[in-house]
Amino acid sequence: MEDFVGIIIGIAIVIFIVIAIVYIITLIAVAVAAIAAVAGSIWGGGWAALNYGKSIKENLIDSNRASAAV
């Protein structure tokens, strides 16, 4: 009877270790995905701000210089 209890406890420990490893891997994957999402947002936002600034320069500043020269 003690062997049966030992086997059950051993199986429970192995299952717990497998679940813990899968959980840790999942947490790491979620953290990496979150970091990638933030980095992508910063990268894309930076390019959007740069393009917006260029658009303002071309549409407002340069066009007003051209119309004032006439």
Protein backbone atom coordinates (compact mmCIF):
# COMPACT_ATOMS: atom_id res chain seq x y z
CA MET A 1 0.00 0.00 0.00
CA GLU A 2 2.86 2.40 0.75
CA ASP A 3 4.31 1.80 -2.72
CA PHE A 4 0.99 2.78 -4.30
CA VAL A 5 0.89 6.03 -2.30
CA GLY A 6 4.52 6.73 -3.25
CA ILE A 7 3.75 6.20 -6.93
CA ILE A 8 0.75 8.54 -6.75
CA ILE A 9 2.84 11.20 -4.99
CA GLY A 10 5.64 10.77 -7.55
CA ILE A 11 3.23 11.13 -10.46
CA ALA A 12 1.68 14.23 -8.82
CA ILE A 13 5.14 15.78 -8.39
CA VAL A 14 6.05 15.11 -12.03
CA ILE A 15 2.74 16.59 -13.23
CA PHE A 16 3.31 19.66 -11.02
CA ILE A 17 6.82 20.15 -12.40
CA VAL A 18 5.58 19.88 -16.01
CA ILE A 19 2.77 22.36 -15.33
CA ALA A 20 5.21 24.76 -13.64
CA ILE A 21 7.63 24.60 -16.59
CA VAL A 22 4.82 25.22 -19.09
CA TYR A 23 3.56 28.11 -16.94
CA ILE A 24 7.00 29.72 -16.77
CA ILE A 25 7.51 29.34 -20.53
CA THR A 26 4.09 30.93 -21.12
CA LEU A 27 4.93 33.86 -18.84
CA ILE A 28 8.20 34.42 -20.68
CA ALA A 29 6.43 34.29 -24.06
CA VAL A 30 3.80 36.81 -22.90
CA ALA A 31 6.51 39.14 -21.59
CA VAL A 32 8.44 38.94 -24.87
CA ALA A 33 5.24 39.62 -26.85
CA ALA A 34 4.40 42.62 -24.65
CA ILE A 35 7.89 44.05 -25.06
CA ALA A 36 7.66 43.56 -28.83
CA ALA A 37 4.26 45.28 -28.90
CA VAL A 38 5.55 48.28 -26.97
CA ALA A 39 8.68 48.49 -29.10
CA GLY A 40 6.62 48.26 -32.29
CA SER A 41 4.28 50.98 -31.07
CA ILE A 42 7.20 53.26 -30.25
CA TRP A 43 8.87 52.52 -33.58
CA GLY A 44 5.67 53.06 -35.59
CA GLY A 45 4.70 56.11 -33.56
CA GLY A 46 8.12 57.61 -34.14
CA TRP A 47 7.83 57.16 -37.88
CA ALA A 48 4.28 58.56 -37.83
CA ALA A 49 5.42 61.65 -35.94
CA LEU A 50 8.34 62.11 -38.35
CA ASN A 51 6.06 61.82 -41.39
CA TYR A 52 3.54 64.16 -39.80
CA GLY A 53 6.26 66.73 -39.23
CA LYS A 54 7.45 66.41 -42.84
CA SER A 55 3.87 66.77 -44.06
CA ILE A 56 3.35 69.94 -42.05
CA LYS A 57 6.60 71.36 -43.37
CA GLU A 58 5.72 70.58 -46.99
CA ASN A 59 2.07 71.63 -46.81
CA LEU A 60 2.25 74.69 -44.59
CA ILE A 61 5.73 76.14 -44.50
CA ASP A 62 6.96 75.41 -48.03
CA SER A 63 3.63 76.21 -49.70
CA ASN A 64 3.40 79.55 -47.85
CA ARG A 65 6.92 80.44 -48.97
CA ALA A 66 5.99 79.68 -52.56
CA SER A 67 2.79 81.75 -52.41
CA ALA A 68 4.55 84.65 -50.67
CA ALA A 69 7.21 84.76 -53.41
CA VAL A 70 4.60 85.35 -56.08
